[in-house]
């Protein structure tokens, strides 16, 4: 019987106890193999700058010394775009999640997830190219397991403009200024898009824009 080729994983986390425990967990997933455990973004650059085993997925923490996960993810997307980054962090703040998505992360997990969700997420990132839990995304507009893609919602020109600006680091107040609108009008755009796109948060809007290629982050 032909032996299954394993998917190579790198863990990047400065908490050694956690990273070692994560390594042991992933090694129990028969389809994955951990090829390196790194402590920060600078070690990521050092690893990929040498003739080391190229992983398919990097599990990336965010708050790390020397170079954080957001900076390291940007570097990987610029220099090794074939490698998929899956964020694994305790950070649940919307702005942090948005920054990781904009940096190029293909998914975002919180560290309190069940091991089965981690295994599923790794498989989804490898096969589908992205994965987000409901806790992070609030809504993915449709289930990841659902094979039939819904029809693209028709958005007006100003709604598209607002949606694209939502994917930046601007606050809603700054978006209102750029669009020459009152904060109340921008709030109305936001609520209208929440309803149209079946989203419950700004992250949901950003995910829609990414998945429908309205923006390329």
C-alpha atoms as a PDB file:
ATOM      1  CA  UNK A   1       0.000   0.000   0.000  1.00  0.00           C
ATOM      2  CA  UNK A   2       1.343   3.434  -1.004  1.00  0.00           C
ATOM      3  CA  UNK A   3       2.258   5.626   1.948  1.00  0.00           C
ATOM      4  CA  UNK A   4       0.326   8.902   2.123  1.00  0.00           C
ATOM      5  CA  UNK A   5       2.450  11.999   1.579  1.00  0.00           C
ATOM      6  CA  UNK A   6       2.095  14.234   4.606  1.00  0.00           C
ATOM      7  CA  UNK A   7       1.406  17.966   4.597  1.00  0.00           C
ATOM      8  CA  UNK A   8       4.283  19.889   6.141  1.00  0.00           C
ATOM      9  CA  UNK A   9       3.550  22.379   8.916  1.00  0.00           C
ATOM     10  CA  UNK A  10       5.676  25.005  10.687  1.00  0.00           C
ATOM     11  CA  UNK A  11       4.645  26.298  14.108  1.00  0.00           C
ATOM     12  CA  UNK A  12       5.608  29.891  14.975  1.00  0.00           C
ATOM     13  CA  UNK A  13       4.977  30.763  18.622  1.00  0.00           C
ATOM     14  CA  UNK A  14       7.208  32.209  21.347  1.00  0.00           C
ATOM     15  CA  UNK A  15       5.545  30.238  24.144  1.00  0.00           C
ATOM     16  CA  UNK A  16       7.589  27.051  24.157  1.00  0.00           C
ATOM     17  CA  UNK A  17       5.268  25.004  26.357  1.00  0.00           C
ATOM     18  CA  UNK A  18       2.342  25.756  24.054  1.00  0.00           C
ATOM     19  CA  UNK A  19       4.287  25.172  20.831  1.00  0.00           C
ATOM     20  CA  UNK A  20       5.616  21.828  22.073  1.00  0.00           C
ATOM     21  CA  UNK A  21       2.108  20.747  23.095  1.00  0.00           C
ATOM     22  CA  UNK A  22       0.793  21.883  19.699  1.00  0.00           C
ATOM     23  CA  UNK A  23       3.546  19.929  17.984  1.00  0.00           C
ATOM     24  CA  UNK A  24       2.567  16.758  19.859  1.00  0.00           C
ATOM     25  CA  UNK A  25      -1.072  17.301  18.960  1.00  0.00           C
ATOM     26  CA  UNK A  26      -0.439  17.824  15.240  1.00  0.00           C
ATOM     27  CA  UNK A  27       1.862  14.795  15.096  1.00  0.00           C
ATOM     28  CA  UNK A  28      -1.196  12.736  16.071  1.00  0.00           C
ATOM     29  CA  UNK A  29      -3.004  13.988  12.950  1.00  0.00           C
ATOM     30  CA  UNK A  30      -2.007  11.353  10.398  1.00  0.00           C
ATOM     31  CA  UNK A  31      -2.065  13.737   7.420  1.00  0.00           C
ATOM     32  CA  UNK A  32       0.327  16.343   8.882  1.00  0.00           C
ATOM     33  CA  UNK A  33       3.992  16.593   9.787  1.00  0.00           C
ATOM     34  CA  UNK A  34       5.644  19.398  11.786  1.00  0.00           C
ATOM     35  CA  UNK A  35       8.998  20.241  10.181  1.00  0.00           C
ATOM     36  CA  UNK A  36      10.013  23.142  12.441  1.00  0.00           C
ATOM     37  CA  UNK A  37       9.047  25.103  15.545  1.00  0.00           C
ATOM     38  CA  UNK A  38      10.094  28.766  15.422  1.00  0.00           C
ATOM     39  CA  UNK A  39       9.879  31.475  18.079  1.00  0.00           C
ATOM     40  CA  UNK A  40       9.208  34.662  16.106  1.00  0.00           C
ATOM     41  CA  UNK A  41       9.060  36.352  12.720  1.00  0.00           C
ATOM     42  CA  UNK A  42      12.825  36.823  12.455  1.00  0.00           C
ATOM     43  CA  UNK A  43      13.295  33.083  12.766  1.00  0.00           C
ATOM     44  CA  UNK A  44      10.704  32.670  10.001  1.00  0.00           C
ATOM     45  CA  UNK A  45      12.818  34.817   7.654  1.00  0.00           C
ATOM     46  CA  UNK A  46      15.984  32.924   8.644  1.00  0.00           C
ATOM     47  CA  UNK A  47      14.284  29.568   8.034  1.00  0.00           C
ATOM     48  CA  UNK A  48      12.934  30.460   4.592  1.00  0.00           C
ATOM     49  CA  UNK A  49      16.164  32.158   3.564  1.00  0.00           C
ATOM     50  CA  UNK A  50      17.988  28.824   3.812  1.00  0.00           C
ATOM     51  CA  UNK A  51      17.579  25.549   1.960  1.00  0.00           C
ATOM     52  CA  UNK A  52      15.081  24.083   4.428  1.00  0.00           C
ATOM     53  CA  UNK A  53      11.981  21.962   3.884  1.00  0.00           C
ATOM     54  CA  UNK A  54       9.233  24.151   2.421  1.00  0.00           C
ATOM     55  CA  UNK A  55       5.984  23.764   4.388  1.00  0.00           C
ATOM     56  CA  UNK A  56       2.509  24.009   2.905  1.00  0.00           C
ATOM     57  CA  UNK A  57       1.114  25.762   6.004  1.00  0.00           C
ATOM     58  CA  UNK A  58       2.546  28.022   8.702  1.00  0.00           C
ATOM     59  CA  UNK A  59       0.636  28.186  11.995  1.00  0.00           C
ATOM     60  CA  UNK A  60       1.364  31.744  13.106  1.00  0.00           C
ATOM     61  CA  UNK A  61       0.987  33.383  16.503  1.00  0.00           C
ATOM     62  CA  UNK A  62       0.625  37.186  16.521  1.00  0.00           C
ATOM     63  CA  UNK A  63       2.200  38.713  19.632  1.00  0.00           C
ATOM     64  CA  UNK A  64       5.881  37.727  19.481  1.00  0.00           C
ATOM     65  CA  UNK A  65       9.173  39.530  20.187  1.00  0.00           C
ATOM     66  CA  UNK A  66      11.547  40.832  17.477  1.00  0.00           C
ATOM     67  CA  UNK A  67       8.978  40.422  14.672  1.00  0.00           C
ATOM     68  CA  UNK A  68       5.277  39.775  15.239  1.00  0.00           C
ATOM     69  CA  UNK A  69       2.968  37.496  13.292  1.00  0.00           C
ATOM     70  CA  UNK A  70       1.457  40.274  11.179  1.00  0.00           C
ATOM     71  CA  UNK A  71       4.878  41.400   9.945  1.00  0.00           C
ATOM     72  CA  UNK A  72       6.014  37.816   9.390  1.00  0.00           C
ATOM     73  CA  UNK A  73       2.852  37.030   7.423  1.00  0.00           C
ATOM     74  CA  UNK A  74       3.410  40.046   5.162  1.00  0.00           C
ATOM     75  CA  UNK A  75       6.980  38.873   4.553  1.00  0.00           C
ATOM     76  CA  UNK A  76       5.813  35.362   3.660  1.00  0.00           C
ATOM     77  CA  UNK A  77       3.128  36.610   1.272  1.00  0.00           C
ATOM     78  CA  UNK A  78       5.724  38.786  -0.498  1.00  0.00           C
ATOM     79  CA  UNK A  79       8.485  36.177  -0.591  1.00  0.00           C
ATOM     80  CA  UNK A  80       6.824  32.747  -0.361  1.00  0.00           C
ATOM     81  CA  UNK A  81       3.244  33.267  -1.616  1.00  0.00           C
ATOM     82  CA  UNK A  82       2.745  29.539  -2.125  1.00  0.00           C
ATOM     83  CA  UNK A  83       2.908  29.016   1.650  1.00  0.00           C
ATOM     84  CA  UNK A  84      -0.446  29.469   3.416  1.00  0.00           C
ATOM     85  CA  UNK A  85      -0.543  31.196   6.797  1.00  0.00           C
ATOM     86  CA  UNK A  86      -3.114  30.153   9.393  1.00  0.00           C
ATOM     87  CA  UNK A  87      -3.199  32.466  12.420  1.00  0.00           C
ATOM     88  CA  UNK A  88      -3.493  30.829  15.840  1.00  0.00           C
ATOM     89  CA  UNK A  89      -3.756  33.387  18.608  1.00  0.00           C
ATOM     90  CA  UNK A  90      -5.387  34.452  21.854  1.00  0.00           C
ATOM     91  CA  UNK A  91      -6.130  37.834  20.242  1.00  0.00           C
ATOM     92  CA  UNK A  92      -9.857  38.166  19.567  1.00  0.00           C
ATOM     93  CA  UNK A  93      -9.965  41.914  18.864  1.00  0.00           C
ATOM     94  CA  UNK A  94     -11.598  42.797  15.560  1.00  0.00           C
ATOM     95  CA  UNK A  95      -8.774  45.145  14.515  1.00  0.00           C
ATOM     96  CA  UNK A  96      -6.135  42.468  15.127  1.00  0.00           C
ATOM     97  CA  UNK A  97      -8.062  39.920  13.088  1.00  0.00           C
ATOM     98  CA  UNK A  98      -8.513  42.450  10.269  1.00  0.00           C
ATOM     99  CA  UNK A  99      -4.794  43.243  10.266  1.00  0.00           C
ATOM    100  CA  UNK A 100      -3.926  39.548   9.933  1.00  0.00           C
ATOM    101  CA  UNK A 101      -6.418  39.124   7.094  1.00  0.00           C
ATOM    102  CA  UNK A 102      -4.991  42.165   5.332  1.00  0.00           C
ATOM    103  CA  UNK A 103      -1.475  40.803   5.874  1.00  0.00           C
ATOM    104  CA  UNK A 104      -2.511  37.697   3.923  1.00  0.00           C
ATOM    105  CA  UNK A 105      -3.513  35.082   6.496  1.00  0.00           C
ATOM    106  CA  UNK A 106      -5.797  32.414   5.037  1.00  0.00           C
ATOM    107  CA  UNK A 107      -7.516  31.755   8.320  1.00  0.00           C
ATOM    108  CA  UNK A 108      -7.731  32.829  11.937  1.00  0.00           C
ATOM    109  CA  UNK A 109      -8.160  30.515  14.905  1.00  0.00           C
ATOM    110  CA  UNK A 110      -8.342  31.211  18.613  1.00  0.00           C
ATOM    111  CA  UNK A 111      -6.160  29.064  20.860  1.00  0.00           C
ATOM    112  CA  UNK A 112      -9.102  27.738  22.865  1.00  0.00           C
ATOM    113  CA  UNK A 113     -10.477  25.732  19.923  1.00  0.00           C
ATOM    114  CA  UNK A 114     -11.083  21.984  20.068  1.00  0.00           C
ATOM    115  CA  UNK A 115      -8.336  19.828  18.459  1.00  0.00           C
ATOM    116  CA  UNK A 116     -10.813  18.527  15.878  1.00  0.00           C
ATOM    117  CA  UNK A 117     -11.431  22.091  14.673  1.00  0.00           C
ATOM    118  CA  UNK A 118      -7.695  22.645  14.290  1.00  0.00           C
ATOM    119  CA  UNK A 119      -7.375  19.488  12.218  1.00  0.00           C
ATOM    120  CA  UNK A 120     -10.365  20.488  10.079  1.00  0.00           C
ATOM    121  CA  UNK A 121      -8.981  24.025   9.645  1.00  0.00           C
ATOM    122  CA  UNK A 122      -5.579  22.747   8.508  1.00  0.00           C
ATOM    123  CA  UNK A 123      -7.245  20.513   5.938  1.00  0.00           C
ATOM    124  CA  UNK A 124      -9.504  23.329   4.725  1.00  0.00           C
ATOM    125  CA  UNK A 125      -6.617  25.776   4.351  1.00  0.00           C
ATOM    126  CA  UNK A 126      -4.641  23.177   2.427  1.00  0.00           C
ATOM    127  CA  UNK A 127      -7.474  22.109   0.106  1.00  0.00           C
ATOM    128  CA  UNK A 128      -9.733  25.172  -0.129  1.00  0.00           C
ATOM    129  CA  UNK A 129      -7.278  27.970   0.578  1.00  0.00           C
ATOM    130  CA  UNK A 130      -9.003  29.503   3.607  1.00  0.00           C
ATOM    131  CA  UNK A 131     -10.775  28.773   6.881  1.00  0.00           C
ATOM    132  CA  UNK A 132     -12.445  30.940   9.531  1.00  0.00           C
ATOM    133  CA  UNK A 133     -14.323  29.791  12.619  1.00  0.00           C
ATOM    134  CA  UNK A 134     -17.716  31.263  13.416  1.00  0.00           C
ATOM    135  CA  UNK A 135     -16.286  32.805  16.582  1.00  0.00           C
ATOM    136  CA  UNK A 136     -13.901  34.819  14.430  1.00  0.00           C
ATOM    137  CA  UNK A 137     -16.050  35.548  11.423  1.00  0.00           C
ATOM    138  CA  UNK A 138     -19.469  35.673  13.178  1.00  0.00           C
ATOM    139  CA  UNK A 139     -20.838  34.488   9.861  1.00  0.00           C
ATOM    140  CA  UNK A 140     -19.204  33.162   6.720  1.00  0.00           C
ATOM    141  CA  UNK A 141     -22.325  33.973   4.706  1.00  0.00           C
ATOM    142  CA  UNK A 142     -22.613  30.284   3.925  1.00  0.00           C
ATOM    143  CA  UNK A 143     -21.222  27.114   5.446  1.00  0.00           C
ATOM    144  CA  UNK A 144     -17.711  26.133   4.406  1.00  0.00           C
ATOM    145  CA  UNK A 145     -18.998  22.600   3.991  1.00  0.00           C
ATOM    146  CA  UNK A 146     -21.627  23.813   1.565  1.00  0.00           C
ATOM    147  CA  UNK A 147     -20.544  23.072  -1.984  1.00  0.00           C
ATOM    148  CA  UNK A 148     -23.036  25.215  -3.851  1.00  0.00           C
ATOM    149  CA  UNK A 149     -21.887  28.824  -4.058  1.00  0.00           C
ATOM    150  CA  UNK A 150     -24.631  31.432  -3.561  1.00  0.00           C
ATOM    151  CA  UNK A 151     -25.374  34.034  -6.192  1.00  0.00           C
ATOM    152  CA  UNK A 152     -23.284  37.191  -5.942  1.00  0.00           C
ATOM    153  CA  UNK A 153     -25.267  39.988  -4.344  1.00  0.00           C
ATOM    154  CA  UNK A 154     -25.663  43.030  -6.571  1.00  0.00           C
ATOM    155  CA  UNK A 155     -24.175  46.079  -4.874  1.00  0.00           C
ATOM    156  CA  UNK A 156     -24.537  49.698  -5.864  1.00  0.00           C
ATOM    157  CA  UNK A 157     -21.446  51.727  -6.772  1.00  0.00           C
ATOM    158  CA  UNK A 158     -21.361  53.595  -3.455  1.00  0.00           C
ATOM    159  CA  UNK A 159     -21.922  50.361  -1.525  1.00  0.00           C
ATOM    160  CA  UNK A 160     -18.932  48.832  -3.305  1.00  0.00           C
ATOM    161  CA  UNK A 161     -16.858  51.900  -2.495  1.00  0.00           C
ATOM    162  CA  UNK A 162     -17.839  51.625   1.157  1.00  0.00           C
ATOM    163  CA  UNK A 163     -17.122  47.870   1.192  1.00  0.00           C
ATOM    164  CA  UNK A 164     -13.623  48.401  -0.227  1.00  0.00           C
ATOM    165  CA  UNK A 165     -12.873  51.105   2.336  1.00  0.00           C
ATOM    166  CA  UNK A 166     -14.114  48.777   5.072  1.00  0.00           C
ATOM    167  CA  UNK A 167     -11.224  46.475   4.140  1.00  0.00           C
ATOM    168  CA  UNK A 168      -8.679  49.159   5.016  1.00  0.00           C
ATOM    169  CA  UNK A 169      -7.521  50.215   8.467  1.00  0.00           C
ATOM    170  CA  UNK A 170      -9.758  53.304   8.392  1.00  0.00           C
ATOM    171  CA  UNK A 171     -12.300  53.846  11.135  1.00  0.00           C
ATOM    172  CA  UNK A 172     -15.932  54.346  10.125  1.00  0.00           C
ATOM    173  CA  UNK A 173     -15.493  58.061  10.891  1.00  0.00           C
ATOM    174  CA  UNK A 174     -12.529  58.261   8.498  1.00  0.00           C
ATOM    175  CA  UNK A 175     -14.496  56.368   5.848  1.00  0.00           C
ATOM    176  CA  UNK A 176     -17.280  58.936   6.196  1.00  0.00           C
ATOM    177  CA  UNK A 177     -14.773  61.744   5.600  1.00  0.00           C
ATOM    178  CA  UNK A 178     -13.268  60.056   2.515  1.00  0.00           C
ATOM    179  CA  UNK A 179     -16.723  59.422   1.047  1.00  0.00           C
ATOM    180  CA  UNK A 180     -17.892  62.961   1.957  1.00  0.00           C
ATOM    181  CA  UNK A 181     -20.763  61.520   3.945  1.00  0.00           C
ATOM    182  CA  UNK A 182     -22.069  61.998   7.451  1.00  0.00           C
ATOM    183  CA  UNK A 183     -21.235  59.298  10.034  1.00  0.00           C
ATOM    184  CA  UNK A 184     -24.956  58.487  10.155  1.00  0.00           C
ATOM    185  CA  UNK A 185     -25.081  57.831   6.395  1.00  0.00           C
ATOM    186  CA  UNK A 186     -22.041  55.567   6.639  1.00  0.00           C
ATOM    187  CA  UNK A 187     -23.744  53.749   9.485  1.00  0.00           C
ATOM    188  CA  UNK A 188     -26.758  53.234   7.198  1.00  0.00           C
ATOM    189  CA  UNK A 189     -24.462  51.796   4.482  1.00  0.00           C
ATOM    190  CA  UNK A 190     -22.974  49.432   7.032  1.00  0.00           C
ATOM    191  CA  UNK A 191     -26.367  48.211   8.269  1.00  0.00           C
ATOM    192  CA  UNK A 192     -27.631  47.809   4.691  1.00  0.00           C
ATOM    193  CA  UNK A 193     -24.608  45.657   3.788  1.00  0.00           C
ATOM    194  CA  UNK A 194     -24.973  43.612   6.968  1.00  0.00           C
ATOM    195  CA  UNK A 195     -28.487  42.759   5.802  1.00  0.00           C
ATOM    196  CA  UNK A 196     -27.636  42.198   2.119  1.00  0.00           C
ATOM    197  CA  UNK A 197     -24.584  40.061   2.799  1.00  0.00           C
ATOM    198  CA  UNK A 198     -25.977  38.328   5.897  1.00  0.00           C
ATOM    199  CA  UNK A 199     -22.995  39.549   7.904  1.00  0.00           C
ATOM    200  CA  UNK A 200     -22.941  40.549  11.557  1.00  0.00           C
ATOM    201  CA  UNK A 201     -19.624  42.366  11.812  1.00  0.00           C
ATOM    202  CA  UNK A 202     -16.986  44.286   9.881  1.00  0.00           C
ATOM    203  CA  UNK A 203     -14.986  41.061   9.676  1.00  0.00           C
ATOM    204  CA  UNK A 204     -17.922  39.434   7.913  1.00  0.00           C
ATOM    205  CA  UNK A 205     -17.907  42.255   5.336  1.00  0.00           C
ATOM    206  CA  UNK A 206     -14.160  41.876   4.793  1.00  0.00           C
ATOM    207  CA  UNK A 207     -14.462  38.107   4.352  1.00  0.00           C
ATOM    208  CA  UNK A 208     -17.169  38.610   1.743  1.00  0.00           C
ATOM    209  CA  UNK A 209     -14.990  41.102  -0.139  1.00  0.00           C
ATOM    210  CA  UNK A 210     -12.016  38.712  -0.047  1.00  0.00           C
ATOM    211  CA  UNK A 211     -13.973  35.622  -1.091  1.00  0.00           C
ATOM    212  CA  UNK A 212     -15.712  37.409  -3.963  1.00  0.00           C
ATOM    213  CA  UNK A 213     -12.408  39.027  -5.028  1.00  0.00           C
ATOM    214  CA  UNK A 214     -13.824  42.525  -4.621  1.00  0.00           C
ATOM    215  CA  UNK A 215     -10.536  43.307  -2.886  1.00  0.00           C
ATOM    216  CA  UNK A 216      -7.189  41.537  -3.119  1.00  0.00           C
ATOM    217  CA  UNK A 217      -5.362  41.734   0.208  1.00  0.00           C
END
